[in-house]
């Protein structure tokens, strides 16, 4: 018997994104195929340290900001 996964909508960089309820930040990044090197995450304008990404779970309607460091000259 398959378990039905409930979905919820959050905003990622001002774009709606459907994810499975009770997803962690790490699971979101994996879902979006984002490499975590040089990435910072804020949820509802609060920066979340990388050590907490596996234990910080997203809530419906969270505002997630993903910032990627870039190199340039």
N, C-alpha and C. Protein backbone atom coordinates (compact mmCIF):
# COMPACT_ATOMS: atom_id res chain seq x y z
N UNK A 1 0.84 -1.18 0.00
CA UNK A 1 0.00 0.00 0.00
C UNK A 1 0.89 1.24 0.00
N UNK A 2 0.67 2.12 -0.93
CA UNK A 2 1.45 3.35 -1.03
C UNK A 2 0.96 4.37 -0.02
N UNK A 3 1.92 5.05 0.59
CA UNK A 3 1.55 6.17 1.47
C UNK A 3 1.34 7.40 0.62
N UNK A 4 0.27 8.10 0.90
CA UNK A 4 0.00 9.34 0.17
C UNK A 4 0.75 10.47 0.86
N UNK A 5 1.57 11.16 0.10
CA UNK A 5 2.34 12.26 0.66
C UNK A 5 1.56 13.55 0.48
N UNK A 6 1.37 14.26 1.57
CA UNK A 6 0.68 15.55 1.48
C UNK A 6 1.66 16.59 1.00
N UNK A 7 1.17 17.45 0.15
CA UNK A 7 2.00 18.51 -0.41
C UNK A 7 1.60 19.84 0.22
N UNK A 8 2.54 20.77 0.21
CA UNK A 8 2.26 22.12 0.66
C UNK A 8 3.00 23.08 -0.26
N UNK A 9 2.60 24.33 -0.22
CA UNK A 9 3.24 25.34 -1.07
C UNK A 9 4.02 26.31 -0.20
N UNK A 10 5.26 26.55 -0.61
CA UNK A 10 6.10 27.57 0.01
C UNK A 10 6.55 28.50 -1.12
N UNK A 11 7.17 29.59 -0.77
CA UNK A 11 7.76 30.47 -1.78
C UNK A 11 9.27 30.37 -1.70
N UNK A 12 9.88 30.10 -2.85
CA UNK A 12 11.34 30.04 -2.93
C UNK A 12 11.78 31.14 -3.88
N UNK A 13 12.51 32.11 -3.34
CA UNK A 13 12.92 33.28 -4.12
C UNK A 13 11.73 33.88 -4.87
N UNK A 14 10.64 34.07 -4.14
CA UNK A 14 9.40 34.69 -4.64
C UNK A 14 8.68 33.89 -5.71
N UNK A 15 8.96 32.58 -5.79
CA UNK A 15 8.27 31.71 -6.74
C UNK A 15 7.59 30.58 -5.95
N UNK A 16 6.30 30.31 -6.22
CA UNK A 16 5.63 29.21 -5.52
C UNK A 16 6.30 27.88 -5.84
N UNK A 17 6.43 27.05 -4.82
CA UNK A 17 7.07 25.74 -4.99
C UNK A 17 6.30 24.73 -4.15
N UNK A 18 5.86 23.64 -4.77
CA UNK A 18 5.18 22.57 -4.02
C UNK A 18 6.20 21.56 -3.55
N UNK A 19 6.11 21.26 -2.25
CA UNK A 19 7.01 20.27 -1.67
C UNK A 19 6.20 19.37 -0.73
N UNK A 20 6.79 18.27 -0.34
CA UNK A 20 6.15 17.36 0.60
C UNK A 20 6.14 18.00 1.98
N UNK A 21 5.02 17.88 2.69
CA UNK A 21 4.94 18.42 4.05
C UNK A 21 6.05 17.82 4.90
N UNK A 22 6.50 18.58 5.88
CA UNK A 22 7.57 18.18 6.80
C UNK A 22 8.91 17.98 6.12
N UNK A 23 9.15 18.70 5.02
CA UNK A 23 10.45 18.65 4.36
C UNK A 23 11.43 19.54 5.10
N UNK A 24 12.67 19.09 5.17
CA UNK A 24 13.72 19.91 5.76
C UNK A 24 14.32 20.81 4.68
N UNK A 25 15.14 21.75 5.10
CA UNK A 25 15.84 22.60 4.13
C UNK A 25 16.70 21.73 3.22
N UNK A 26 17.40 20.77 3.79
CA UNK A 26 18.24 19.88 2.98
C UNK A 26 17.42 19.14 1.93
N UNK A 27 16.24 18.67 2.31
CA UNK A 27 15.37 17.97 1.36
C UNK A 27 14.88 18.91 0.26
N UNK A 28 14.59 20.16 0.62
CA UNK A 28 14.19 21.14 -0.39
C UNK A 28 15.31 21.35 -1.40
N UNK A 29 16.53 21.54 -0.92
CA UNK A 29 17.66 21.77 -1.82
C UNK A 29 17.89 20.57 -2.73
N UNK A 30 17.74 19.37 -2.18
CA UNK A 30 17.87 18.16 -3.00
C UNK A 30 16.77 18.11 -4.06
N UNK A 31 15.55 18.43 -3.66
CA UNK A 31 14.41 18.45 -4.58
C UNK A 31 14.64 19.44 -5.72
N UNK A 32 15.29 20.57 -5.41
CA UNK A 32 15.55 21.60 -6.42
C UNK A 32 16.87 21.39 -7.15
N UNK A 33 17.59 20.31 -6.82
CA UNK A 33 18.90 20.01 -7.43
C UNK A 33 19.89 21.16 -7.25
N UNK A 34 19.96 21.69 -6.04
CA UNK A 34 20.86 22.80 -5.74
C UNK A 34 22.06 22.27 -4.97
N UNK A 35 23.25 22.53 -5.50
CA UNK A 35 24.49 22.18 -4.82
C UNK A 35 24.65 23.14 -3.64
N UNK A 36 24.99 22.60 -2.48
CA UNK A 36 24.98 23.41 -1.26
C UNK A 36 26.24 24.23 -1.02
N UNK A 37 27.29 24.00 -1.79
CA UNK A 37 28.50 24.80 -1.61
C UNK A 37 28.23 26.24 -2.02
N UNK A 38 28.59 27.18 -1.14
CA UNK A 38 28.43 28.59 -1.46
C UNK A 38 26.99 29.06 -1.42
N UNK A 39 26.13 28.37 -0.66
CA UNK A 39 24.72 28.72 -0.58
C UNK A 39 24.37 29.16 0.83
N UNK A 40 23.55 30.18 0.94
CA UNK A 40 22.99 30.62 2.22
C UNK A 40 21.47 30.55 2.11
N UNK A 41 20.82 30.23 3.22
CA UNK A 41 19.36 30.08 3.24
C UNK A 41 18.78 30.97 4.33
N UNK A 42 17.71 31.66 3.98
CA UNK A 42 16.93 32.40 4.97
C UNK A 42 15.48 31.94 4.86
N UNK A 43 14.84 31.77 6.00
CA UNK A 43 13.42 31.45 6.04
C UNK A 43 12.72 32.59 6.76
N UNK A 44 11.77 33.20 6.07
CA UNK A 44 11.04 34.34 6.63
C UNK A 44 12.01 35.40 7.15
N UNK A 45 13.02 35.70 6.32
CA UNK A 45 14.04 36.73 6.60
C UNK A 45 14.95 36.40 7.78
N UNK A 46 15.01 35.14 8.17
CA UNK A 46 15.91 34.71 9.24
C UNK A 46 16.91 33.71 8.66
N UNK A 47 18.20 34.07 8.71
CA UNK A 47 19.23 33.18 8.17
C UNK A 47 19.30 31.91 9.02
N UNK A 48 19.38 30.78 8.35
CA UNK A 48 19.47 29.48 9.03
C UNK A 48 20.87 28.93 8.77
N UNK A 49 21.59 28.59 9.84
CA UNK A 49 22.95 28.08 9.67
C UNK A 49 22.92 26.70 9.01
N UNK A 50 23.96 26.43 8.25
CA UNK A 50 24.03 25.19 7.47
C UNK A 50 23.91 23.95 8.36
N UNK A 51 24.39 24.04 9.59
CA UNK A 51 24.31 22.91 10.52
C UNK A 51 22.87 22.54 10.84
N UNK A 52 21.94 23.48 10.68
CA UNK A 52 20.53 23.25 11.02
C UNK A 52 19.67 22.84 9.84
N UNK A 53 20.24 22.73 8.65
CA UNK A 53 19.44 22.46 7.46
C UNK A 53 18.74 21.11 7.50
N UNK A 54 19.31 20.12 8.17
CA UNK A 54 18.66 18.80 8.22
C UNK A 54 17.57 18.73 9.28
N UNK A 55 17.60 19.66 10.25
CA UNK A 55 16.63 19.61 11.34
C UNK A 55 15.62 20.74 11.32
N UNK A 56 15.77 21.68 10.40
CA UNK A 56 14.81 22.79 10.27
C UNK A 56 13.79 22.41 9.21
N UNK A 57 12.55 22.25 9.64
CA UNK A 57 11.49 21.81 8.75
C UNK A 57 10.66 22.99 8.28
N UNK A 58 10.28 22.93 7.03
CA UNK A 58 9.55 24.03 6.41
C UNK A 58 8.06 23.94 6.73
N UNK A 59 7.44 25.10 6.83
CA UNK A 59 6.01 25.20 7.12
C UNK A 59 5.30 25.79 5.90
N UNK A 60 4.01 25.50 5.80
CA UNK A 60 3.21 26.04 4.72
C UNK A 60 3.35 27.56 4.68
N UNK A 61 3.51 28.09 3.49
CA UNK A 61 3.62 29.52 3.22
C UNK A 61 4.93 30.16 3.70
N UNK A 62 5.93 29.36 4.07
CA UNK A 62 7.24 29.92 4.40
C UNK A 62 7.80 30.67 3.20
N UNK A 63 8.53 31.72 3.48
CA UNK A 63 9.25 32.49 2.46
C UNK A 63 10.72 32.07 2.55
N UNK A 64 11.18 31.32 1.57
CA UNK A 64 12.55 30.83 1.56
C UNK A 64 13.36 31.64 0.56
N UNK A 65 14.50 32.13 1.02
CA UNK A 65 15.42 32.85 0.14
C UNK A 65 16.70 32.03 0.04
N UNK A 66 17.07 31.72 -1.19
CA UNK A 66 18.30 30.97 -1.45
C UNK A 66 19.28 31.94 -2.13
N UNK A 67 20.41 32.12 -1.48
CA UNK A 67 21.43 33.04 -1.99
C UNK A 67 22.66 32.22 -2.35
N UNK A 68 23.13 32.41 -3.57
CA UNK A 68 24.32 31.71 -4.03
C UNK A 68 25.47 32.70 -4.18
N UNK A 69 26.61 32.34 -3.60
CA UNK A 69 27.80 33.16 -3.77
C UNK A 69 28.28 33.04 -5.20
N UNK A 70 28.69 34.16 -5.78
CA UNK A 70 29.21 34.11 -7.14
C UNK A 70 30.61 34.70 -7.16
N UNK A 71 31.38 34.25 -8.11
CA UNK A 71 32.71 34.80 -8.29
C UNK A 71 32.71 35.64 -9.55
N UNK A 72 33.47 36.67 -9.51
CA UNK A 72 33.53 37.52 -10.68
C UNK A 72 34.71 38.46 -10.58
N UNK A 73 34.88 39.20 -11.62
CA UNK A 73 36.01 40.10 -11.60
C UNK A 73 35.64 41.47 -12.08
